[in-house]
């Protein structure tokens, strides 16, 4: 989400990272299913 001032971060190729933040910001009006489906960004796009 942000970068450090110096140093490096090396990761494995195609490493998938999930981030549960302190403050969850849901879009008003979405149902529980609609919000859960946000996990499938590529699938929903296709």
ModelCIF file with pLDDT and N, C-alpha, C, O atoms, coordinates in Angstrom:
data_MODEL
#
_entry.id   MODEL 
#
_entity.id                         1 
_entity.type                       polymer 
_entity.pdbx_number_of_molecules   1 
#
_entity_poly.entity_id                      1 
_entity_poly.type                           'polypeptide(L)' 
_entity_poly.nstd_linkage                   no 
_entity_poly.nstd_monomer                   no 
_entity_poly.pdbx_seq_one_letter_code       
;(UNK)(UNK)(UNK)(UNK)(UNK)(UNK)(UNK)(UNK)(UNK)(UNK)(UNK)(UNK)(UNK)(UNK)(UNK)(UNK)
(UNK)(UNK)(UNK)(UNK)(UNK)(UNK)(UNK)(UNK)(UNK)(UNK)(UNK)(UNK)(UNK)(UNK)(UNK)(UNK)
(UNK)(UNK)(UNK)(UNK)(UNK)(UNK)(UNK)(UNK)(UNK)(UNK)(UNK)(UNK)(UNK)(UNK)
;
_entity_poly.pdbx_seq_one_letter_code_can   XXXXXXXXXXXXXXXXXXXXXXXXXXXXXXXXXXXXXXXXXXXXXX 
_entity_poly.pdbx_strand_id                 A 
#
loop_
_entity_poly_seq.entity_id 
_entity_poly_seq.num 
_entity_poly_seq.mon_id 
_entity_poly_seq.hetero 
1 1  UNK n 
1 2  UNK n 
1 3  UNK n 
1 4  UNK n 
1 5  UNK n 
1 6  UNK n 
1 7  UNK n 
1 8  UNK n 
1 9  UNK n 
1 10 UNK n 
1 11 UNK n 
1 12 UNK n 
1 13 UNK n 
1 14 UNK n 
1 15 UNK n 
1 16 UNK n 
1 17 UNK n 
1 18 UNK n 
1 19 UNK n 
1 20 UNK n 
1 21 UNK n 
1 22 UNK n 
1 23 UNK n 
1 24 UNK n 
1 25 UNK n 
1 26 UNK n 
1 27 UNK n 
1 28 UNK n 
1 29 UNK n 
1 30 UNK n 
1 31 UNK n 
1 32 UNK n 
1 33 UNK n 
1 34 UNK n 
1 35 UNK n 
1 36 UNK n 
1 37 UNK n 
1 38 UNK n 
1 39 UNK n 
1 40 UNK n 
1 41 UNK n 
1 42 UNK n 
1 43 UNK n 
1 44 UNK n 
1 45 UNK n 
1 46 UNK n 
#
_struct_asym.id          A 
_struct_asym.entity_id   1 
#
loop_
_ma_qa_metric.id 
_ma_qa_metric.mode 
_ma_qa_metric.name 
_ma_qa_metric.software_group_id 
_ma_qa_metric.type 
1 global pLDDT . pLDDT 
2 local  pLDDT . pLDDT 
#
_ma_qa_metric_global.metric_id      1 
_ma_qa_metric_global.metric_value   84.78 
_ma_qa_metric_global.model_id       1 
_ma_qa_metric_global.ordinal_id     1 
#
loop_
_ma_qa_metric_local.label_asym_id 
_ma_qa_metric_local.label_comp_id 
_ma_qa_metric_local.label_seq_id 
_ma_qa_metric_local.metric_id 
_ma_qa_metric_local.metric_value 
_ma_qa_metric_local.model_id 
_ma_qa_metric_local.ordinal_id 
A UNK 1  2 86.00 1 1  
A UNK 2  2 87.00 1 2  
A UNK 3  2 86.00 1 3  
A UNK 4  2 86.00 1 4  
A UNK 5  2 86.00 1 5  
A UNK 6  2 88.00 1 6  
A UNK 7  2 87.00 1 7  
A UNK 8  2 87.00 1 8  
A UNK 9  2 87.00 1 9  
A UNK 10 2 87.00 1 10 
A UNK 11 2 84.00 1 11 
A UNK 12 2 81.00 1 12 
A UNK 13 2 79.00 1 13 
A UNK 14 2 80.00 1 14 
A UNK 15 2 87.00 1 15 
A UNK 16 2 88.00 1 16 
A UNK 17 2 90.00 1 17 
A UNK 18 2 88.00 1 18 
A UNK 19 2 89.00 1 19 
A UNK 20 2 84.00 1 20 
A UNK 21 2 77.00 1 21 
A UNK 22 2 67.00 1 22 
A UNK 23 2 66.00 1 23 
A UNK 24 2 70.00 1 24 
A UNK 25 2 70.00 1 25 
A UNK 26 2 73.00 1 26 
A UNK 27 2 78.00 1 27 
A UNK 28 2 81.00 1 28 
A UNK 29 2 85.00 1 29 
A UNK 30 2 89.00 1 30 
A UNK 31 2 91.00 1 31 
A UNK 32 2 91.00 1 32 
A UNK 33 2 92.00 1 33 
A UNK 34 2 90.00 1 34 
A UNK 35 2 90.00 1 35 
A UNK 36 2 91.00 1 36 
A UNK 37 2 90.00 1 37 
A UNK 38 2 88.00 1 38 
A UNK 39 2 88.00 1 39 
A UNK 40 2 88.00 1 40 
A UNK 41 2 85.00 1 41 
A UNK 42 2 86.00 1 42 
A UNK 43 2 90.00 1 43 
A UNK 44 2 87.00 1 44 
A UNK 45 2 90.00 1 45 
A UNK 46 2 90.00 1 46 
#
loop_
_atom_site.group_PDB 
_atom_site.id 
_atom_site.type_symbol 
_atom_site.label_atom_id 
_atom_site.label_alt_id 
_atom_site.label_comp_id 
_atom_site.label_asym_id 
_atom_site.label_entity_id 
_atom_site.label_seq_id 
_atom_site.pdbx_PDB_ins_code 
_atom_site.Cartn_x 
_atom_site.Cartn_y 
_atom_site.Cartn_z 
_atom_site.occupancy 
_atom_site.B_iso_or_equiv 
_atom_site.pdbx_formal_charge 
_atom_site.auth_seq_id 
_atom_site.auth_comp_id 
_atom_site.auth_asym_id 
_atom_site.auth_atom_id 
_atom_site.pdbx_PDB_model_num 
ATOM 1   N N  . UNK A 1 1  ? 0.841   -1.205  0.000   1.00 86.00 ? 1  UNK A N  1 
ATOM 2   C CA . UNK A 1 1  ? 0.000   0.000   0.000   1.00 86.00 ? 1  UNK A CA 1 
ATOM 3   C C  . UNK A 1 1  ? 0.870   1.246   0.000   1.00 86.00 ? 1  UNK A C  1 
ATOM 4   O O  . UNK A 1 1  ? 0.553   2.238   -0.657  1.00 86.00 ? 1  UNK A O  1 
ATOM 5   N N  . UNK A 1 2  ? 1.986   1.187   0.754   1.00 87.00 ? 2  UNK A N  1 
ATOM 6   C CA . UNK A 1 2  ? 2.938   2.300   0.792   1.00 87.00 ? 2  UNK A CA 1 
ATOM 7   C C  . UNK A 1 2  ? 4.348   1.730   0.640   1.00 87.00 ? 2  UNK A C  1 
ATOM 8   O O  . UNK A 1 2  ? 4.545   0.518   0.724   1.00 87.00 ? 2  UNK A O  1 
ATOM 9   N N  . UNK A 1 3  ? 5.323   2.604   0.419   1.00 86.00 ? 3  UNK A N  1 
ATOM 10  C CA . UNK A 1 3  ? 6.718   2.169   0.286   1.00 86.00 ? 3  UNK A CA 1 
ATOM 11  C C  . UNK A 1 3  ? 7.549   2.701   1.441   1.00 86.00 ? 3  UNK A C  1 
ATOM 12  O O  . UNK A 1 3  ? 7.246   3.757   1.998   1.00 86.00 ? 3  UNK A O  1 
ATOM 13  N N  . UNK A 1 4  ? 8.607   1.961   1.803   1.00 86.00 ? 4  UNK A N  1 
ATOM 14  C CA . UNK A 1 4  ? 9.548   2.437   2.800   1.00 86.00 ? 4  UNK A CA 1 
ATOM 15  C C  . UNK A 1 4  ? 10.484  3.476   2.208   1.00 86.00 ? 4  UNK A C  1 
ATOM 16  O O  . UNK A 1 4  ? 10.548  3.641   0.990   1.00 86.00 ? 4  UNK A O  1 
ATOM 17  N N  . UNK A 1 5  ? 11.214  4.180   3.075   1.00 86.00 ? 5  UNK A N  1 
ATOM 18  C CA . UNK A 1 5  ? 12.181  5.171   2.600   1.00 86.00 ? 5  UNK A CA 1 
ATOM 19  C C  . UNK A 1 5  ? 13.386  4.506   1.958   1.00 86.00 ? 5  UNK A C  1 
ATOM 20  O O  . UNK A 1 5  ? 13.932  5.001   0.972   1.00 86.00 ? 5  UNK A O  1 
ATOM 21  N N  . UNK A 1 6  ? 13.800  3.369   2.531   1.00 88.00 ? 6  UNK A N  1 
ATOM 22  C CA . UNK A 1 6  ? 14.948  2.633   1.980   1.00 88.00 ? 6  UNK A CA 1 
ATOM 23  C C  . UNK A 1 6  ? 14.808  1.168   2.343   1.00 88.00 ? 6  UNK A C  1 
ATOM 24  O O  . UNK A 1 6  ? 13.941  0.786   3.129   1.00 88.00 ? 6  UNK A O  1 
ATOM 25  N N  . UNK A 1 7  ? 15.672  0.353   1.758   1.00 87.00 ? 7  UNK A N  1 
ATOM 26  C CA . UNK A 1 7  ? 15.591  -1.088  1.982   1.00 87.00 ? 7  UNK A CA 1 
ATOM 27  C C  . UNK A 1 7  ? 14.843  -1.765  0.853   1.00 87.00 ? 7  UNK A C  1 
ATOM 28  O O  . UNK A 1 7  ? 14.407  -1.115  -0.096  1.00 87.00 ? 7  UNK A O  1 
ATOM 29  N N  . UNK A 1 8  ? 14.699  -3.070  0.962   1.00 87.00 ? 8  UNK A N  1 
ATOM 30  C CA . UNK A 1 8  ? 14.050  -3.824  -0.118  1.00 87.00 ? 8  UNK A CA 1 
ATOM 31  C C  . UNK A 1 8  ? 13.150  -4.922  0.431   1.00 87.00 ? 8  UNK A C  1 
ATOM 32  O O  . UNK A 1 8  ? 13.343  -5.424  1.538   1.00 87.00 ? 8  UNK A O  1 
ATOM 33  N N  . UNK A 1 9  ? 12.150  -5.280  -0.391  1.00 87.00 ? 9  UNK A N  1 
ATOM 34  C CA . UNK A 1 9  ? 11.260  -6.402  -0.084  1.00 87.00 ? 9  UNK A CA 1 
ATOM 35  C C  . UNK A 1 9  ? 11.265  -7.329  -1.285  1.00 87.00 ? 9  UNK A C  1 
ATOM 36  O O  . UNK A 1 9  ? 10.869  -6.937  -2.383  1.00 87.00 ? 9  UNK A O  1 
ATOM 37  N N  . UNK A 1 10 ? 11.710  -8.547  -1.078  1.00 87.00 ? 10 UNK A N  1 
ATOM 38  C CA . UNK A 1 10 ? 11.733  -9.541  -2.159  1.00 87.00 ? 10 UNK A CA 1 
ATOM 39  C C  . UNK A 1 10 ? 10.670  -10.595 -1.878  1.00 87.00 ? 10 UNK A C  1 
ATOM 40  O O  . UNK A 1 10 ? 10.583  -11.114 -0.765  1.00 87.00 ? 10 UNK A O  1 
ATOM 41  N N  . UNK A 1 11 ? 9.864   -10.910 -2.886  1.00 84.00 ? 11 UNK A N  1 
ATOM 42  C CA . UNK A 1 11 ? 8.796   -11.899 -2.704  1.00 84.00 ? 11 UNK A CA 1 
ATOM 43  C C  . UNK A 1 11 ? 8.866   -12.959 -3.791  1.00 84.00 ? 11 UNK A C  1 
ATOM 44  O O  . UNK A 1 11 ? 9.448   -12.756 -4.856  1.00 84.00 ? 11 UNK A O  1 
ATOM 45  N N  . UNK A 1 12 ? 8.259   -14.085 -3.489  1.00 81.00 ? 12 UNK A N  1 
ATOM 46  C CA . UNK A 1 12 ? 8.128   -15.126 -4.505  1.00 81.00 ? 12 UNK A CA 1 
ATOM 47  C C  . UNK A 1 12 ? 7.238   -14.607 -5.632  1.00 81.00 ? 12 UNK A C  1 
ATOM 48  O O  . UNK A 1 12 ? 6.383   -13.745 -5.428  1.00 81.00 ? 12 UNK A O  1 
ATOM 49  N N  . UNK A 1 13 ? 7.458   -15.145 -6.804  1.00 79.00 ? 13 UNK A N  1 
ATOM 50  C CA . UNK A 1 13 ? 6.661   -14.730 -7.956  1.00 79.00 ? 13 UNK A CA 1 
ATOM 51  C C  . UNK A 1 13 ? 5.193   -15.103 -7.716  1.00 79.00 ? 13 UNK A C  1 
ATOM 52  O O  . UNK A 1 13 ? 4.893   -16.192 -7.227  1.00 79.00 ? 13 UNK A O  1 
ATOM 53  N N  . UNK A 1 14 ? 4.299   -14.199 -8.062  1.00 80.00 ? 14 UNK A N  1 
ATOM 54  C CA . UNK A 1 14 ? 2.846   -14.420 -7.962  1.00 80.00 ? 14 UNK A CA 1 
ATOM 55  C C  . UNK A 1 14 ? 2.374   -14.653 -6.530  1.00 80.00 ? 14 UNK A C  1 
ATOM 56  O O  . UNK A 1 14 ? 1.367   -15.326 -6.313  1.00 80.00 ? 14 UNK A O  1 
ATOM 57  N N  . UNK A 1 15 ? 3.098   -14.099 -5.545  1.00 87.00 ? 15 UNK A N  1 
ATOM 58  C CA . UNK A 1 15 ? 2.664   -14.197 -4.146  1.00 87.00 ? 15 UNK A CA 1 
ATOM 59  C C  . UNK A 1 15 ? 1.362   -13.428 -3.972  1.00 87.00 ? 15 UNK A C  1 
ATOM 60  O O  . UNK A 1 15 ? 1.282   -12.251 -4.323  1.00 87.00 ? 15 UNK A O  1 
ATOM 61  N N  . UNK A 1 16 ? 0.326   -14.097 -3.425  1.00 88.00 ? 16 UNK A N  1 
ATOM 62  C CA . UNK A 1 16 ? -0.970  -13.454 -3.223  1.00 88.00 ? 16 UNK A CA 1 
ATOM 63  C C  . UNK A 1 16 ? -1.093  -13.024 -1.766  1.00 88.00 ? 16 UNK A C  1 
ATOM 64  O O  . UNK A 1 16 ? -0.961  -13.839 -0.853  1.00 88.00 ? 16 UNK A O  1 
ATOM 65  N N  . UNK A 1 17 ? -1.349  -11.729 -1.561  1.00 90.00 ? 17 UNK A N  1 
ATOM 66  C CA . UNK A 1 17 ? -1.405  -11.160 -0.217  1.00 90.00 ? 17 UNK A CA 1 
ATOM 67  C C  . UNK A 1 17 ? -2.813  -10.656 0.077   1.00 90.00 ? 17 UNK A C  1 
ATOM 68  O O  . UNK A 1 17 ? -3.385  -9.902  -0.709  1.00 90.00 ? 17 UNK A O  1 
ATOM 69  N N  . UNK A 1 18 ? -3.365  -11.072 1.207   1.00 88.00 ? 18 UNK A N  1 
ATOM 70  C CA . UNK A 1 18 ? -4.666  -10.572 1.678   1.00 88.00 ? 18 UNK A CA 1 
ATOM 71  C C  . UNK A 1 18 ? -4.457  -9.706  2.902   1.00 88.00 ? 18 UNK A C  1 
ATOM 72  O O  . UNK A 1 18 ? -3.718  -10.080 3.812   1.00 88.00 ? 18 UNK A O  1 
ATOM 73  N N  . UNK A 1 19 ? -5.105  -8.546  2.931   1.00 89.00 ? 19 UNK A N  1 
ATOM 74  C CA . UNK A 1 19 ? -4.880  -7.569  3.997   1.00 89.00 ? 19 UNK A CA 1 
ATOM 75  C C  . UNK A 1 19 ? -6.216  -7.213  4.657   1.00 89.00 ? 19 UNK A C  1 
ATOM 76  O O  . UNK A 1 19 ? -7.094  -6.619  4.029   1.00 89.00 ? 19 UNK A O  1 
ATOM 77  N N  . UNK A 1 20 ? -6.352  -7.586  5.933   1.00 84.00 ? 20 UNK A N  1 
ATOM 78  C CA . UNK A 1 20 ? -7.523  -7.210  6.723   1.00 84.00 ? 20 UNK A CA 1 
ATOM 79  C C  . UNK A 1 20 ? -7.168  -5.950  7.513   1.00 84.00 ? 20 UNK A C  1 
ATOM 80  O O  . UNK A 1 20 ? -6.399  -6.006  8.473   1.00 84.00 ? 20 UNK A O  1 
ATOM 81  N N  . UNK A 1 21 ? -7.728  -4.827  7.105   1.00 77.00 ? 21 UNK A N  1 
ATOM 82  C CA . UNK A 1 21 ? -7.387  -3.546  7.718   1.00 77.00 ? 21 UNK A CA 1 
ATOM 83  C C  . UNK A 1 21 ? -8.205  -3.300  8.984   1.00 77.00 ? 21 UNK A C  1 
ATOM 84  O O  . UNK A 1 21 ? -9.213  -3.962  9.232   1.00 77.00 ? 21 UNK A O  1 
ATOM 85  N N  . UNK A 1 22 ? -7.741  -2.324  9.783   1.00 67.00 ? 22 UNK A N  1 
ATOM 86  C CA . UNK A 1 22 ? -8.464  -1.973  11.015  1.00 67.00 ? 22 UNK A CA 1 
ATOM 87  C C  . UNK A 1 22 ? -9.858  -1.470  10.705  1.00 67.00 ? 22 UNK A C  1 
ATOM 88  O O  . UNK A 1 22 ? -10.836 -1.879  11.332  1.00 67.00 ? 22 UNK A O  1 
ATOM 89  N N  . UNK A 1 23 ? -9.938  -0.577  9.731   1.00 66.00 ? 23 UNK A N  1 
ATOM 90  C CA . UNK A 1 23 ? -11.217 0.060   9.419   1.00 66.00 ? 23 UNK A CA 1 
ATOM 91  C C  . UNK A 1 23 ? -11.743 -0.475  8.102   1.00 66.00 ? 23 UNK A C  1 
ATOM 92  O O  . UNK A 1 23 ? -11.189 -0.197  7.038   1.00 66.00 ? 23 UNK A O  1 
ATOM 93  N N  . UNK A 1 24 ? -12.825 -1.251  8.183   1.00 70.00 ? 24 UNK A N  1 
ATOM 94  C CA . UNK A 1 24 ? -13.410 -1.844  6.984   1.00 70.00 ? 24 UNK A CA 1 
ATOM 95  C C  . UNK A 1 24 ? -14.358 -0.833  6.346   1.00 70.00 ? 24 UNK A C  1 
ATOM 96  O O  . UNK A 1 24 ? -15.229 -0.275  7.014   1.00 70.00 ? 24 UNK A O  1 
ATOM 97  N N  . UNK A 1 25 ? -14.180 -0.609  5.068   1.00 70.00 ? 25 UNK A N  1 
ATOM 98  C CA . UNK A 1 25 ? -14.980 0.390   4.363   1.00 70.00 ? 25 UNK A CA 1 
ATOM 99  C C  . UNK A 1 25 ? -15.771 -0.297  3.257   1.00 70.00 ? 25 UNK A C  1 
ATOM 100 O O  . UNK A 1 25 ? -15.246 -0.532  2.168   1.00 70.00 ? 25 UNK A O  1 
ATOM 101 N N  . UNK A 1 26 ? -17.046 -0.623  3.535   1.00 73.00 ? 26 UNK A N  1 
ATOM 102 C CA . UNK A 1 26 ? -17.899 -1.274  2.551   1.00 73.00 ? 26 UNK A CA 1 
ATOM 103 C C  . UNK A 1 26 ? -18.708 -0.222  1.789   1.00 73.00 ? 26 UNK A C  1 
ATOM 104 O O  . UNK A 1 26 ? -19.065 0.828   2.325   1.00 73.00 ? 26 UNK A O  1 
ATOM 105 N N  . UNK A 1 27 ? -18.980 -0.537  0.534   1.00 78.00 ? 27 UNK A N  1 
ATOM 106 C CA . UNK A 1 27 ? -19.810 0.356   -0.275  1.00 78.00 ? 27 UNK A CA 1 
ATOM 107 C C  . UNK A 1 27 ? -21.271 0.201   0.135   1.00 78.00 ? 27 UNK A C  1 
ATOM 108 O O  . UNK A 1 27 ? -21.790 -0.911  0.222   1.00 78.00 ? 27 UNK A O  1 
ATOM 109 N N  . UNK A 1 28 ? -21.928 1.338   0.387   1.00 81.00 ? 28 UNK A N  1 
ATOM 110 C CA . UNK A 1 28 ? -23.332 1.320   0.817   1.00 81.00 ? 28 UNK A CA 1 
ATOM 111 C C  . UNK A 1 28 ? -24.199 0.642   -0.244  1.00 81.00 ? 28 UNK A C  1 
ATOM 112 O O  . UNK A 1 28 ? -23.998 0.822   -1.445  1.00 81.00 ? 28 UNK A O  1 
ATOM 113 N N  . UNK A 1 29 ? -25.166 -0.141  0.232   1.00 85.00 ? 29 UNK A N  1 
ATOM 114 C CA . UNK A 1 29 ? -26.147 -0.734  -0.673  1.00 85.00 ? 29 UNK A CA 1 
ATOM 115 C C  . UNK A 1 29 ? -25.814 -2.124  -1.155  1.00 85.00 ? 29 UNK A C  1 
ATOM 116 O O  . UNK A 1 29 ? -26.680 -2.807  -1.701  1.00 85.00 ? 29 UNK A O  1 
ATOM 117 N N  . UNK A 1 30 ? -24.563 -2.571  -0.967  1.00 89.00 ? 30 UNK A N  1 
ATOM 118 C CA . UNK A 1 30 ? -24.209 -3.934  -1.389  1.00 89.00 ? 30 UNK A CA 1 
ATOM 119 C C  . UNK A 1 30 ? -24.771 -4.960  -0.405  1.00 89.00 ? 30 UNK A C  1 
ATOM 120 O O  . UNK A 1 30 ? -24.800 -4.731  0.804   1.00 89.00 ? 30 UNK A O  1 
ATOM 121 N N  . UNK A 1 31 ? -25.213 -6.083  -0.942  1.00 91.00 ? 31 UNK A N  1 
ATOM 122 C CA . UNK A 1 31 ? -25.662 -7.178  -0.079  1.00 91.00 ? 31 UNK A CA 1 
ATOM 123 C C  . UNK A 1 31 ? -24.446 -7.946  0.425   1.00 91.00 ? 31 UNK A C  1 
ATOM 124 O O  . UNK A 1 31 ? -23.323 -7.727  -0.028  1.00 91.00 ? 31 UNK A O  1 
ATOM 125 N N  . UNK A 1 32 ? -24.692 -8.853  1.374   1.00 91.00 ? 32 UNK A N  1 
ATOM 126 C CA . UNK A 1 32 ? -23.615 -9.703  1.903   1.00 91.00 ? 32 UNK A CA 1 
ATOM 127 C C  . UNK A 1 32 ? -22.970 -10.495 0.767   1.00 91.00 ? 32 UNK A C  1 
ATOM 128 O O  . UNK A 1 32 ? -21.745 -10.587 0.683   1.00 91.00 ? 32 UNK A O  1 
ATOM 129 N N  . UNK A 1 33 ? -23.795 -11.062 -0.099  1.00 92.00 ? 33 UNK A N  1 
ATOM 130 C CA . UNK A 1 33 ? -23.260 -11.836 -1.234  1.00 92.00 ? 33 UNK A CA 1 
ATOM 131 C C  . UNK A 1 33 ? -22.464 -10.945 -2.182  1.00 92.00 ? 33 UNK A C  1 
ATOM 132 O O  . UNK A 1 33 ? -21.374 -11.315 -2.618  1.00 92.00 ? 33 UNK A O  1 
ATOM 133 N N  . UNK A 1 34 ? -23.007 -9.778  -2.499  1.00 90.00 ? 34 UNK A N  1 
ATOM 134 C CA . UNK A 1 34 ? -22.301 -8.859  -3.408  1.00 90.00 ? 34 UNK A CA 1 
ATOM 135 C C  . UNK A 1 34 ? -20.926 -8.499  -2.857  1.00 90.00 ? 34 UNK A C  1 
ATOM 136 O O  . UNK A 1 34 ? -19.939 -8.466  -3.592  1.00 90.00 ? 34 UNK A O  1 
ATOM 137 N N  . UNK A 1 35 ? -20.876 -8.231  -1.556  1.00 90.00 ? 35 UNK A N  1 
ATOM 138 C CA . UNK A 1 35 ? -19.600 -7.848  -0.937  1.00 90.00 ? 35 UNK A CA 1 
ATOM 139 C C  . UNK A 1 35 ? -18.632 -9.021  -0.948  1.00 90.00 ? 35 UNK A C  1 
ATOM 140 O O  . UNK A 1 35 ? -17.446 -8.845  -1.228  1.00 90.00 ? 35 UNK A O  1 
ATOM 141 N N  . UNK A 1 36 ? -19.128 -10.222 -0.644  1.00 91.00 ? 36 UNK A N  1 
ATOM 142 C CA . UNK A 1 36 ? -18.267 -11.410 -0.650  1.00 91.00 ? 36 UNK A CA 1 
ATOM 143 C C  . UNK A 1 36 ? -17.730 -11.685 -2.058  1.00 91.00 ? 36 UNK A C  1 
ATOM 144 O O  . UNK A 1 36 ? -16.595 -12.132 -2.222  1.00 91.00 ? 36 UNK A O  1 
ATOM 145 N N  . UNK A 1 37 ? -18.563 -11.414 -3.070  1.00 90.00 ? 37 UNK A N  1 
ATOM 146 C CA . UNK A 1 37 ? -18.140 -11.646 -4.459  1.00 90.00 ? 37 UNK A CA 1 
ATOM 147 C C  . UNK A 1 37 ? -16.999 -10.713 -4.888  1.00 90.00 ? 37 UNK A C  1 
ATOM 148 O O  . UNK A 1 37 ? -16.368 -10.945 -5.919  1.00 90.00 ? 37 UNK A O  1 
ATOM 149 N N  . UNK A 1 38 ? -16.731 -9.660  -4.105  1.00 88.00 ? 38 UNK A N  1 
ATOM 150 C CA . UNK A 1 38 ? -15.616 -8.768  -4.432  1.00 88.00 ? 38 UNK A CA 1 
ATOM 151 C C  . UNK A 1 38 ? -14.272 -9.515  -4.358  1.00 88.00 ? 38 UNK A C  1 
ATOM 152 O O  . UNK A 1 38 ? -13.255 -9.036  -4.860  1.00 88.00 ? 38 UNK A O  1 
ATOM 153 N N  . UNK A 1 39 ? -14.289 -10.698 -3.720  1.00 88.00 ? 39 UNK A N  1 
ATOM 154 C CA . UNK A 1 39 ? -13.075 -11.525 -3.664  1.00 88.00 ? 39 UNK A CA 1 
ATOM 155 C C  . UNK A 1 39 ? -12.700 -12.061 -5.041  1.00 88.00 ? 39 UNK A C  1 
ATOM 156 O O  . UNK A 1 39 ? -11.556 -12.455 -5.272  1.00 88.00 ? 39 UNK A O  1 
ATOM 157 N N  . UNK A 1 40 ? -13.678 -12.075 -5.962  1.00 88.00 ? 40 UNK A N  1 
ATOM 158 C CA . UNK A 1 40 ? -13.454 -12.691 -7.281  1.00 88.00 ? 40 UNK A CA 1 
ATOM 159 C C  . UNK A 1 40 ? -13.421 -11.614 -8.366  1.00 88.00 ? 40 UNK A C  1 
ATOM 160 O O  . UNK A 1 40 ? -14.246 -11.604 -9.280  1.00 88.00 ? 40 UNK A O  1 
ATOM 161 N N  . UNK A 1 41 ? -12.473 -10.732 -8.245  1.00 85.00 ? 41 UNK A N  1 
ATOM 162 C CA . UNK A 1 41 ? -12.395 -9.595  -9.165  1.00 85.00 ? 41 UNK A CA 1 
ATOM 163 C C  . UNK A 1 41 ? -12.266 -10.051 -10.621 1.00 85.00 ? 41 UNK A C  1 
ATOM 164 O O  . UNK A 1 41 ? -12.985 -9.573  -11.499 1.00 85.00 ? 41 UNK A O  1 
ATOM 165 N N  . UNK A 1 42 ? -11.341 -10.978 -10.861 1.00 86.00 ? 42 UNK A N  1 
ATOM 166 C CA . UNK A 1 42 ? -11.118 -11.445 -12.239 1.00 86.00 ? 42 UNK A CA 1 
ATOM 167 C C  . UNK A 1 42 ? -12.321 -12.223 -12.752 1.00 86.00 ? 42 UNK A C  1 
ATOM 168 O O  . UNK A 1 42 ? -12.754 -12.033 -13.888 1.00 86.00 ? 42 UNK A O  1 
ATOM 169 N N  . UNK A 1 43 ? -12.865 -13.112 -11.899 1.00 90.00 ? 43 UNK A N  1 
ATOM 170 C CA . UNK A 1 43 ? -14.016 -13.928 -12.299 1.00 90.00 ? 43 UNK A CA 1 
ATOM 171 C C  . UNK A 1 43 ? -15.202 -13.033 -12.661 1.00 90.00 ? 43 UNK A C  1 
ATOM 172 O O  . UNK A 1 43 ? -15.868 -13.240 -13.676 1.00 90.00 ? 43 UNK A O  1 
ATOM 173 N N  . UNK A 1 44 ? -15.452 -12.031 -11.808 1.00 87.00 ? 44 UNK A N  1 
ATOM 174 C CA . UNK A 1 44 ? -16.588 -11.135 -12.054 1.00 87.00 ? 44 UNK A CA 1 
ATOM 175 C C  . UNK A 1 44 ? -16.394 -10.316 -13.338 1.00 87.00 ? 44 UNK A C  1 
ATOM 176 O O  . UNK A 1 44 ? -17.343 -10.046 -14.074 1.00 87.00 ? 44 UNK A O  1 
ATOM 177 N N  . UNK A 1 45 ? -15.147 -9.934  -13.578 1.00 90.00 ? 45 UNK A N  1 
ATOM 178 C CA . UNK A 1 45 ? -14.842 -9.167  -14.790 1.00 90.00 ? 45 UNK A CA 1 
ATOM 179 C C  . UNK A 1 45 ? -15.133 -10.009 -16.042 1.00 90.00 ? 45 UNK A C  1 
ATOM 180 O O  . UNK A 1 45 ? -15.766 -9.539  -16.988 1.00 90.00 ? 45 UNK A O  1 
ATOM 181 N N  . UNK A 1 46 ? -14.658 -11.262 -16.026 1.00 90.00 ? 46 UNK A N  1 
ATOM 182 C CA . UNK A 1 46 ? -14.881 -12.163 -17.166 1.00 90.00 ? 46 UNK A CA 1 
ATOM 183 C C  . UNK A 1 46 ? -16.371 -12.464 -17.308 1.00 90.00 ? 46 UNK A C  1 
ATOM 184 O O  . UNK A 1 46 ? -16.769 -13.204 -18.209 1.00 90.00 ? 46 UNK A O  1 
#
